[in-house]
Amino acid sequence: MSLSAEMRVFFDKVARKNFCLACDVYHALATGKEITPSLRAKVQEALRLSR
C-alpha cells in the first residue's frame, strides 16, 4: 500500500510513540480487516498519539 505524504507523517508520529500500535493500524488498513471494537480502540489511540 503506497502512502500519501499525510499518511506517512501520521504513521511516523505514531511509530515514534508506539511502533507496535502503528504496525497494527497499518496492517488493518492495508488488508481491509473488519473493524472490531478492539481495532477501533487502536485506531482512536493512534489518532490521539499523532497529535
C-alpha atoms as a PDB file:
ATOM      1  CA  MET A   1       0.000   0.000   0.000  1.00  0.00           C
ATOM      2  CA  SER A   2       1.503   3.288  -1.078  1.00  0.00           C
ATOM      3  CA  LEU A   3       1.184   6.080   1.471  1.00  0.00           C
ATOM      4  CA  SER A   4       0.375   9.695   0.787  1.00  0.00           C
ATOM      5  CA  ALA A   5       2.598  12.321   2.379  1.00  0.00           C
ATOM      6  CA  GLU A   6      -0.027  12.976   5.074  1.00  0.00           C
ATOM      7  CA  MET A   7      -0.371   9.292   5.942  1.00  0.00           C
ATOM      8  CA  ARG A   8       3.413   8.907   6.115  1.00  0.00           C
ATOM      9  CA  VAL A   9       3.603  11.797   8.610  1.00  0.00           C
ATOM     10  CA  PHE A  10       0.742  10.256  10.628  1.00  0.00           C
ATOM     11  CA  PHE A  11       2.388   6.828  10.857  1.00  0.00           C
ATOM     12  CA  ASP A  12       5.798   8.361  11.622  1.00  0.00           C
ATOM     13  CA  LYS A  13       4.320  10.282  14.571  1.00  0.00           C
ATOM     14  CA  VAL A  14       2.504   7.222  15.896  1.00  0.00           C
ATOM     15  CA  ALA A  15       5.504   4.921  15.377  1.00  0.00           C
ATOM     16  CA  ARG A  16       7.786   7.245  17.359  1.00  0.00           C
ATOM     17  CA  LYS A  17       5.496   6.828  20.368  1.00  0.00           C
ATOM     18  CA  ASN A  18       4.233   3.249  19.866  1.00  0.00           C
ATOM     19  CA  PHE A  19       5.702   1.268  16.980  1.00  0.00           C
ATOM     20  CA  CYS A  20       3.590  -1.836  17.580  1.00  0.00           C
ATOM     21  CA  LEU A  21       0.383   0.198  17.510  1.00  0.00           C
ATOM     22  CA  ALA A  22       1.399   1.853  14.237  1.00  0.00           C
ATOM     23  CA  CYS A  23       2.062  -1.571  12.711  1.00  0.00           C
ATOM     24  CA  ASP A  24      -1.285  -2.944  13.890  1.00  0.00           C
ATOM     25  CA  VAL A  25      -3.239   0.002  12.476  1.00  0.00           C
ATOM     26  CA  TYR A  26      -1.314  -0.024   9.198  1.00  0.00           C
ATOM     27  CA  HIS A  27      -1.840  -3.777   8.773  1.00  0.00           C
ATOM     28  CA  ALA A  28      -5.576  -3.442   9.443  1.00  0.00           C
ATOM     29  CA  LEU A  29      -5.904  -0.667   6.848  1.00  0.00           C
ATOM     30  CA  ALA A  30      -3.728  -2.410   4.269  1.00  0.00           C
ATOM     31  CA  THR A  31      -5.579  -5.723   4.489  1.00  0.00           C
ATOM     32  CA  GLY A  32      -9.090  -4.339   4.887  1.00  0.00           C
ATOM     33  CA  LYS A  33      -9.764  -6.179   8.131  1.00  0.00           C
ATOM     34  CA  GLU A  34     -13.203  -5.940   9.708  1.00  0.00           C
ATOM     35  CA  ILE A  35     -13.438  -3.147  12.272  1.00  0.00           C
ATOM     36  CA  THR A  36     -13.821  -4.742  15.687  1.00  0.00           C
ATOM     37  CA  PRO A  37     -14.152  -2.827  18.964  1.00  0.00           C
ATOM     38  CA  SER A  38     -10.508  -3.583  19.813  1.00  0.00           C
ATOM     39  CA  LEU A  39      -9.321  -2.384  16.395  1.00  0.00           C
ATOM     40  CA  ARG A  40     -11.450   0.754  16.735  1.00  0.00           C
ATOM     41  CA  ALA A  41      -9.763   1.442  20.086  1.00  0.00           C
ATOM     42  CA  LYS A  42      -6.328   1.038  18.467  1.00  0.00           C
ATOM     43  CA  VAL A  43      -7.225   3.483  15.700  1.00  0.00           C
ATOM     44  CA  GLN A  44      -8.509   6.001  18.249  1.00  0.00           C
ATOM     45  CA  GLU A  45      -5.311   5.627  20.286  1.00  0.00           C
ATOM     46  CA  ALA A  46      -3.220   6.132  17.146  1.00  0.00           C
ATOM     47  CA  LEU A  47      -5.163   9.294  16.333  1.00  0.00           C
ATOM     48  CA  ARG A  48      -4.577  10.552  19.866  1.00  0.00           C
ATOM     49  CA  LEU A  49      -0.850   9.849  19.660  1.00  0.00           C
ATOM     50  CA  SER A  50      -0.498  11.581  16.297  1.00  0.00           C
ATOM     51  CA  ARG A  51      -1.444  14.975  17.732  1.00  0.00           C
END
